[in-house]
Amino acid sequence: VTFAKDIAPIFQQKCQECHRPDSMAPMSLLTYEESRPWARAIRARVVAREMPPWFLDKTVGIQQFINDVSLTDAEIDAIVRWVDVGAPLGNPAELPTPRQWPDGDRFRLEEELGPPDLVVRSIPFTM
């Protein structure tokens, strides 16, 4: 199990929406260099099913959701095996093409819903 072949595709599909620069998560998981230091913490969180957050009970009701970012048992097993063997990079040629992320200031549903009716801008501030 390697990052390039097995883990990067999982991270792209299930983690990077939040775990990327200028998003809500505290660290980026776009690259091996960014992900590797967090390997043990990632393992603990996915085994506990705390990450990615998905708050629906998988034993009750409808389970086929278009936006389901929860990890499958096979994806969790792959992440666990990757960490347990030392979190290797593998062959960089096997890395998937990086995803392109939209501008964070752009309304992401504009293509589906049209432009927003009102855009309210605030002055920049530092937290």
N, C-alpha and C. Protein backbone atom coordinates (compact mmCIF):
# COMPACT_ATOMS: atom_id res chain seq x y z
N VAL A 1 0.86 -1.18 0.00
CA VAL A 1 0.00 0.00 0.00
C VAL A 1 0.89 1.23 0.00
N THR A 2 0.67 2.13 -0.95
CA THR A 2 1.47 3.36 -1.02
C THR A 2 0.55 4.57 -1.14
N PHE A 3 1.13 5.71 -0.78
CA PHE A 3 0.38 6.96 -0.91
C PHE A 3 0.00 7.21 -2.36
N ALA A 4 0.99 7.09 -3.24
CA ALA A 4 0.77 7.45 -4.65
C ALA A 4 -0.35 6.63 -5.28
N LYS A 5 -0.32 5.34 -5.09
CA LYS A 5 -1.25 4.46 -5.78
C LYS A 5 -2.59 4.30 -5.06
N ASP A 6 -2.55 4.23 -3.73
CA ASP A 6 -3.74 3.83 -2.98
C ASP A 6 -4.38 4.93 -2.14
N ILE A 7 -3.57 5.77 -1.52
CA ILE A 7 -4.09 6.71 -0.54
C ILE A 7 -4.45 8.07 -1.16
N ALA A 8 -3.62 8.57 -2.05
CA ALA A 8 -3.91 9.87 -2.67
C ALA A 8 -5.29 9.90 -3.34
N PRO A 9 -5.70 8.84 -4.06
CA PRO A 9 -7.05 8.88 -4.64
C PRO A 9 -8.16 8.96 -3.58
N ILE A 10 -7.97 8.30 -2.45
CA ILE A 10 -8.95 8.38 -1.37
C ILE A 10 -8.99 9.80 -0.82
N PHE A 11 -7.81 10.36 -0.55
CA PHE A 11 -7.76 11.72 -0.02
C PHE A 11 -8.40 12.71 -0.99
N GLN A 12 -8.15 12.53 -2.29
CA GLN A 12 -8.75 13.44 -3.28
C GLN A 12 -10.27 13.37 -3.22
N GLN A 13 -10.80 12.18 -3.15
CA GLN A 13 -12.24 12.00 -3.22
C GLN A 13 -12.94 12.34 -1.90
N LYS A 14 -12.30 12.05 -0.78
CA LYS A 14 -13.01 12.12 0.50
C LYS A 14 -12.49 13.17 1.48
N CYS A 15 -11.30 13.72 1.28
CA CYS A 15 -10.69 14.57 2.30
C CYS A 15 -10.35 15.99 1.85
N GLN A 16 -9.94 16.13 0.60
CA GLN A 16 -9.35 17.39 0.18
C GLN A 16 -10.34 18.54 0.03
N GLU A 17 -11.61 18.26 -0.01
CA GLU A 17 -12.60 19.35 -0.04
C GLU A 17 -12.38 20.27 1.16
N CYS A 18 -12.06 19.69 2.30
CA CYS A 18 -11.80 20.49 3.50
C CYS A 18 -10.30 20.64 3.78
N HIS A 19 -9.53 19.59 3.51
CA HIS A 19 -8.10 19.58 3.83
C HIS A 19 -7.27 20.08 2.66
N ARG A 20 -7.31 21.40 2.47
CA ARG A 20 -6.53 22.08 1.44
C ARG A 20 -6.34 23.53 1.88
N PRO A 21 -5.39 24.23 1.30
CA PRO A 21 -5.17 25.62 1.70
C PRO A 21 -6.44 26.46 1.53
N ASP A 22 -6.62 27.36 2.45
CA ASP A 22 -7.74 28.30 2.44
C ASP A 22 -9.09 27.61 2.59
N SER A 23 -9.10 26.45 3.21
CA SER A 23 -10.36 25.78 3.50
C SER A 23 -10.49 25.65 5.01
N MET A 24 -11.45 24.86 5.47
CA MET A 24 -11.78 24.85 6.89
C MET A 24 -10.91 23.97 7.76
N ALA A 25 -10.24 22.98 7.21
CA ALA A 25 -9.45 22.06 8.03
C ALA A 25 -8.11 22.67 8.43
N PRO A 26 -7.54 22.22 9.53
CA PRO A 26 -6.31 22.84 10.03
C PRO A 26 -5.05 22.46 9.26
N MET A 27 -5.13 21.44 8.39
CA MET A 27 -3.96 21.07 7.61
C MET A 27 -4.37 20.63 6.22
N SER A 28 -3.44 20.76 5.29
CA SER A 28 -3.69 20.35 3.92
C SER A 28 -3.24 18.91 3.72
N LEU A 29 -4.01 18.16 2.92
CA LEU A 29 -3.66 16.79 2.56
C LEU A 29 -3.56 16.65 1.04
N LEU A 30 -3.10 17.70 0.38
CA LEU A 30 -3.00 17.67 -1.08
C LEU A 30 -1.80 16.87 -1.56
N THR A 31 -0.74 16.85 -0.79
CA THR A 31 0.49 16.19 -1.24
C THR A 31 0.96 15.19 -0.20
N TYR A 32 1.88 14.34 -0.62
CA TYR A 32 2.49 13.39 0.31
C TYR A 32 3.23 14.14 1.41
N GLU A 33 3.98 15.17 1.03
CA GLU A 33 4.76 15.93 2.00
C GLU A 33 3.87 16.56 3.07
N GLU A 34 2.68 16.97 2.68
CA GLU A 34 1.74 17.56 3.65
C GLU A 34 1.04 16.49 4.48
N SER A 35 0.80 15.33 3.89
CA SER A 35 0.02 14.27 4.54
C SER A 35 0.85 13.40 5.47
N ARG A 36 2.07 13.09 5.08
CA ARG A 36 2.90 12.12 5.82
C ARG A 36 3.06 12.45 7.29
N PRO A 37 3.32 13.71 7.69
CA PRO A 37 3.49 13.99 9.12
C PRO A 37 2.23 13.69 9.95
N TRP A 38 1.09 13.63 9.31
CA TRP A 38 -0.18 13.41 10.00
C TRP A 38 -0.65 11.96 9.93
N ALA A 39 0.16 11.06 9.41
CA ALA A 39 -0.28 9.69 9.13
C ALA A 39 -0.88 9.00 10.35
N ARG A 40 -0.21 9.03 11.48
CA ARG A 40 -0.75 8.34 12.67
C ARG A 40 -2.05 8.97 13.15
N ALA A 41 -2.12 10.29 13.11
CA ALA A 41 -3.36 10.97 13.52
C ALA A 41 -4.50 10.66 12.55
N ILE A 42 -4.18 10.62 11.26
CA ILE A 42 -5.19 10.27 10.26
C ILE A 42 -5.71 8.87 10.53
N ARG A 43 -4.80 7.92 10.79
CA ARG A 43 -5.19 6.54 11.07
C ARG A 43 -6.16 6.49 12.25
N ALA A 44 -5.80 7.17 13.34
CA ALA A 44 -6.65 7.15 14.53
C ALA A 44 -8.04 7.72 14.25
N ARG A 45 -8.09 8.82 13.51
CA ARG A 45 -9.38 9.46 13.23
C ARG A 45 -10.26 8.65 12.29
N VAL A 46 -9.66 8.00 11.29
CA VAL A 46 -10.50 7.24 10.36
C VAL A 46 -10.95 5.92 10.99
N VAL A 47 -10.11 5.31 11.82
CA VAL A 47 -10.52 4.08 12.50
C VAL A 47 -11.68 4.36 13.45
N ALA A 48 -11.64 5.51 14.11
CA ALA A 48 -12.73 5.91 15.01
C ALA A 48 -13.94 6.45 14.24
N ARG A 49 -13.82 6.54 12.92
CA ARG A 49 -14.86 7.08 12.04
C ARG A 49 -15.24 8.53 12.41
N GLU A 50 -14.23 9.26 12.89
CA GLU A 50 -14.41 10.68 13.18
C GLU A 50 -14.14 11.53 11.95
N MET A 51 -13.33 11.02 11.04
CA MET A 51 -12.99 11.72 9.81
C MET A 51 -13.16 10.77 8.65
N PRO A 52 -13.64 11.24 7.53
CA PRO A 52 -14.32 12.52 7.39
C PRO A 52 -15.65 12.50 8.14
N PRO A 53 -16.09 13.65 8.61
CA PRO A 53 -17.33 13.67 9.39
C PRO A 53 -18.54 13.30 8.53
N TRP A 54 -19.29 12.36 9.02
CA TRP A 54 -20.53 11.93 8.36
C TRP A 54 -21.44 11.46 9.47
N PHE A 55 -22.48 12.22 9.76
CA PHE A 55 -23.24 12.03 10.98
C PHE A 55 -24.49 11.18 10.83
N LEU A 56 -24.61 10.47 9.73
CA LEU A 56 -25.78 9.61 9.55
C LEU A 56 -25.46 8.21 10.05
N ASP A 57 -26.43 7.60 10.69
CA ASP A 57 -26.27 6.23 11.19
C ASP A 57 -26.30 5.27 10.01
N LYS A 58 -25.21 4.57 9.80
CA LYS A 58 -25.11 3.68 8.64
C LYS A 58 -25.92 2.40 8.81
N THR A 59 -26.58 2.24 9.94
CA THR A 59 -27.38 1.04 10.15
C THR A 59 -28.88 1.30 10.01
N VAL A 60 -29.25 2.54 9.73
CA VAL A 60 -30.66 2.90 9.70
C VAL A 60 -30.99 3.66 8.41
N GLY A 61 -32.07 3.27 7.76
CA GLY A 61 -32.62 4.05 6.66
C GLY A 61 -31.81 4.06 5.39
N ILE A 62 -32.08 5.07 4.59
CA ILE A 62 -31.45 5.24 3.28
C ILE A 62 -29.96 5.47 3.46
N GLN A 63 -29.16 4.82 2.62
CA GLN A 63 -27.71 4.95 2.75
C GLN A 63 -27.02 5.40 1.47
N GLN A 64 -27.75 5.60 0.40
CA GLN A 64 -27.14 5.99 -0.87
C GLN A 64 -27.30 7.50 -1.07
N PHE A 65 -26.30 8.27 -0.64
CA PHE A 65 -26.35 9.71 -0.76
C PHE A 65 -25.30 10.17 -1.76
N ILE A 66 -25.66 11.11 -2.62
CA ILE A 66 -24.75 11.63 -3.63
C ILE A 66 -23.52 12.27 -2.98
N ASN A 67 -23.72 12.95 -1.87
CA ASN A 67 -22.63 13.69 -1.24
C ASN A 67 -21.99 12.93 -0.07
N ASP A 68 -22.12 11.62 -0.03
CA ASP A 68 -21.56 10.82 1.06
C ASP A 68 -20.04 10.82 0.98
N VAL A 69 -19.41 11.46 1.95
CA VAL A 69 -17.95 11.49 1.99
C VAL A 69 -17.39 10.50 3.00
N SER A 70 -18.25 9.70 3.62
CA SER A 70 -17.75 8.73 4.59
C SER A 70 -16.87 7.71 3.89
N LEU A 71 -15.95 7.16 4.65
CA LEU A 71 -15.02 6.17 4.10
C LEU A 71 -15.65 4.78 4.14
N THR A 72 -15.40 4.00 3.12
CA THR A 72 -15.83 2.61 3.12
C THR A 72 -14.88 1.82 4.01
N ASP A 73 -15.29 0.62 4.38
CA ASP A 73 -14.41 -0.24 5.17
C ASP A 73 -13.10 -0.50 4.42
N ALA A 74 -13.18 -0.69 3.11
CA ALA A 74 -11.98 -0.95 2.31
C ALA A 74 -11.04 0.26 2.31
N GLU A 75 -11.60 1.47 2.26
CA GLU A 75 -10.77 2.69 2.30
C GLU A 75 -10.10 2.84 3.66
N ILE A 76 -10.84 2.57 4.72
CA ILE A 76 -10.25 2.62 6.06
C ILE A 76 -9.13 1.59 6.18
N ASP A 77 -9.38 0.38 5.71
CA ASP A 77 -8.36 -0.67 5.76
C ASP A 77 -7.11 -0.26 5.00
N ALA A 78 -7.27 0.38 3.85
CA ALA A 78 -6.12 0.82 3.05
C ALA A 78 -5.31 1.86 3.82
N ILE A 79 -5.98 2.82 4.43
CA ILE A 79 -5.28 3.86 5.20
C ILE A 79 -4.55 3.23 6.38
N VAL A 80 -5.20 2.32 7.08
CA VAL A 80 -4.56 1.64 8.22
C VAL A 80 -3.33 0.87 7.76
N ARG A 81 -3.43 0.12 6.68
CA ARG A 81 -2.29 -0.64 6.17
C ARG A 81 -1.15 0.29 5.75
N TRP A 82 -1.50 1.40 5.09
CA TRP A 82 -0.49 2.37 4.66
C TRP A 82 0.30 2.89 5.86
N VAL A 83 -0.41 3.30 6.91
CA VAL A 83 0.27 3.82 8.10
C VAL A 83 1.09 2.71 8.77
N ASP A 84 0.52 1.53 8.88
CA ASP A 84 1.19 0.43 9.57
C ASP A 84 2.47 -0.03 8.88
N VAL A 85 2.59 0.19 7.57
CA VAL A 85 3.83 -0.18 6.87
C VAL A 85 4.79 1.01 6.74
N GLY A 86 4.52 2.08 7.47
CA GLY A 86 5.44 3.21 7.48
C GLY A 86 5.06 4.37 6.59
N ALA A 87 3.84 4.36 6.06
CA ALA A 87 3.32 5.45 5.23
C ALA A 87 4.23 5.79 4.05
N PRO A 88 4.57 4.80 3.21
CA PRO A 88 5.47 5.08 2.08
C PRO A 88 4.81 5.88 0.97
N LEU A 89 5.63 6.64 0.26
CA LEU A 89 5.16 7.40 -0.91
C LEU A 89 4.83 6.46 -2.06
N GLY A 90 5.73 5.54 -2.36
CA GLY A 90 5.55 4.71 -3.55
C GLY A 90 6.10 5.41 -4.77
N ASN A 91 5.65 4.99 -5.94
CA ASN A 91 6.13 5.53 -7.21
C ASN A 91 5.40 6.84 -7.52
N PRO A 92 6.09 7.97 -7.55
CA PRO A 92 5.43 9.25 -7.83
C PRO A 92 4.68 9.27 -9.16
N ALA A 93 5.09 8.44 -10.11
CA ALA A 93 4.39 8.38 -11.40
C ALA A 93 2.97 7.85 -11.25
N GLU A 94 2.67 7.18 -10.14
CA GLU A 94 1.33 6.64 -9.90
C GLU A 94 0.39 7.63 -9.21
N LEU A 95 0.90 8.80 -8.85
CA LEU A 95 0.04 9.82 -8.23
C LEU A 95 -1.05 10.24 -9.20
N PRO A 96 -2.28 10.41 -8.71
CA PRO A 96 -3.33 10.92 -9.60
C PRO A 96 -3.08 12.38 -9.95
N THR A 97 -3.67 12.81 -11.04
CA THR A 97 -3.60 14.22 -11.41
C THR A 97 -4.23 15.05 -10.30
N PRO A 98 -3.56 16.10 -9.83
CA PRO A 98 -4.13 16.91 -8.76
C PRO A 98 -5.48 17.51 -9.18
N ARG A 99 -6.39 17.56 -8.23
CA ARG A 99 -7.69 18.20 -8.49
C ARG A 99 -7.51 19.70 -8.58
N GLN A 100 -8.36 20.32 -9.38
CA GLN A 100 -8.39 21.77 -9.46
C GLN A 100 -9.53 22.25 -8.57
N TRP A 101 -9.22 23.16 -7.69
CA TRP A 101 -10.22 23.65 -6.75
C TRP A 101 -10.72 25.02 -7.17
N PRO A 102 -12.00 25.27 -6.99
CA PRO A 102 -12.54 26.57 -7.37
C PRO A 102 -12.03 27.68 -6.47
N ASP A 103 -12.09 28.88 -6.99
CA ASP A 103 -11.75 30.06 -6.20
C ASP A 103 -12.68 30.10 -4.99
N GLY A 104 -12.08 30.22 -3.81
CA GLY A 104 -12.87 30.22 -2.58
C GLY A 104 -13.84 31.37 -2.47
N ASP A 105 -13.62 32.43 -3.22
CA ASP A 105 -14.52 33.58 -3.18
C ASP A 105 -15.68 33.47 -4.16
N ARG A 106 -15.68 32.42 -4.97
CA ARG A 106 -16.73 32.26 -5.97
C ARG A 106 -17.85 31.39 -5.42
N PHE A 107 -19.08 31.73 -5.73
CA PHE A 107 -20.23 30.94 -5.33
C PHE A 107 -20.18 29.61 -6.07
N ARG A 108 -19.98 28.52 -5.33
CA ARG A 108 -19.71 27.23 -5.95
C ARG A 108 -20.91 26.60 -6.65
N LEU A 109 -22.11 27.03 -6.36
CA LEU A 109 -23.29 26.43 -6.99
C LEU A 109 -23.83 27.28 -8.13
N GLU A 110 -23.05 28.26 -8.57
CA GLU A 110 -23.53 29.16 -9.61
C GLU A 110 -23.90 28.43 -10.90
N GLU A 111 -23.14 27.42 -11.28
CA GLU A 111 -23.45 26.69 -12.51
C GLU A 111 -24.80 25.99 -12.41
N GLU A 112 -25.15 25.51 -11.22
CA GLU A 112 -26.43 24.82 -11.03
C GLU A 112 -27.59 25.78 -10.78
N LEU A 113 -27.34 26.80 -9.94
CA LEU A 113 -28.43 27.65 -9.46
C LEU A 113 -28.44 29.05 -10.04
N GLY A 114 -27.40 29.41 -10.77
CA GLY A 114 -27.32 30.76 -11.30
C GLY A 114 -26.59 31.66 -10.32
N PRO A 115 -26.35 32.91 -10.72
CA PRO A 115 -25.61 33.82 -9.85
C PRO A 115 -26.41 34.15 -8.59
N PRO A 116 -25.73 34.48 -7.50
CA PRO A 116 -26.45 34.84 -6.28
C PRO A 116 -27.25 36.12 -6.47
N ASP A 117 -28.35 36.23 -5.76
CA ASP A 117 -29.19 37.43 -5.84
C ASP A 117 -28.50 38.63 -5.19
N LEU A 118 -27.69 38.38 -4.18
CA LEU A 118 -27.05 39.46 -3.45
C LEU A 118 -25.70 38.98 -2.94
N VAL A 119 -24.69 39.80 -3.11
CA VAL A 119 -23.37 39.51 -2.55
C VAL A 119 -23.04 40.62 -1.57
N VAL A 120 -22.82 40.27 -0.33
CA VAL A 120 -22.48 41.23 0.71
C VAL A 120 -21.00 41.08 1.01
N ARG A 121 -20.25 42.14 0.83
CA ARG A 121 -18.81 42.09 1.08
C ARG A 121 -18.50 42.83 2.38
N SER A 122 -17.56 42.27 3.12
CA SER A 122 -17.12 42.93 4.35
C SER A 122 -15.70 43.44 4.15
N ILE A 123 -15.30 44.31 5.04
CA ILE A 123 -13.92 44.77 4.98
C ILE A 123 -13.03 43.64 5.49
N PRO A 124 -11.81 43.52 4.99
CA PRO A 124 -10.90 42.47 5.47
C PRO A 124 -10.59 42.64 6.95
N PHE A 125 -10.43 41.53 7.64
CA PHE A 125 -10.06 41.57 9.05
C PHE A 125 -9.20 40.36 9.38
N THR A 126 -8.47 40.47 10.47
CA THR A 126 -7.60 39.38 10.92
C THR A 126 -8.16 38.82 12.21
N MET A 127 -8.22 37.51 12.26
CA MET A 127 -8.72 36.87 13.49
C MET A 127 -7.57 36.47 14.37
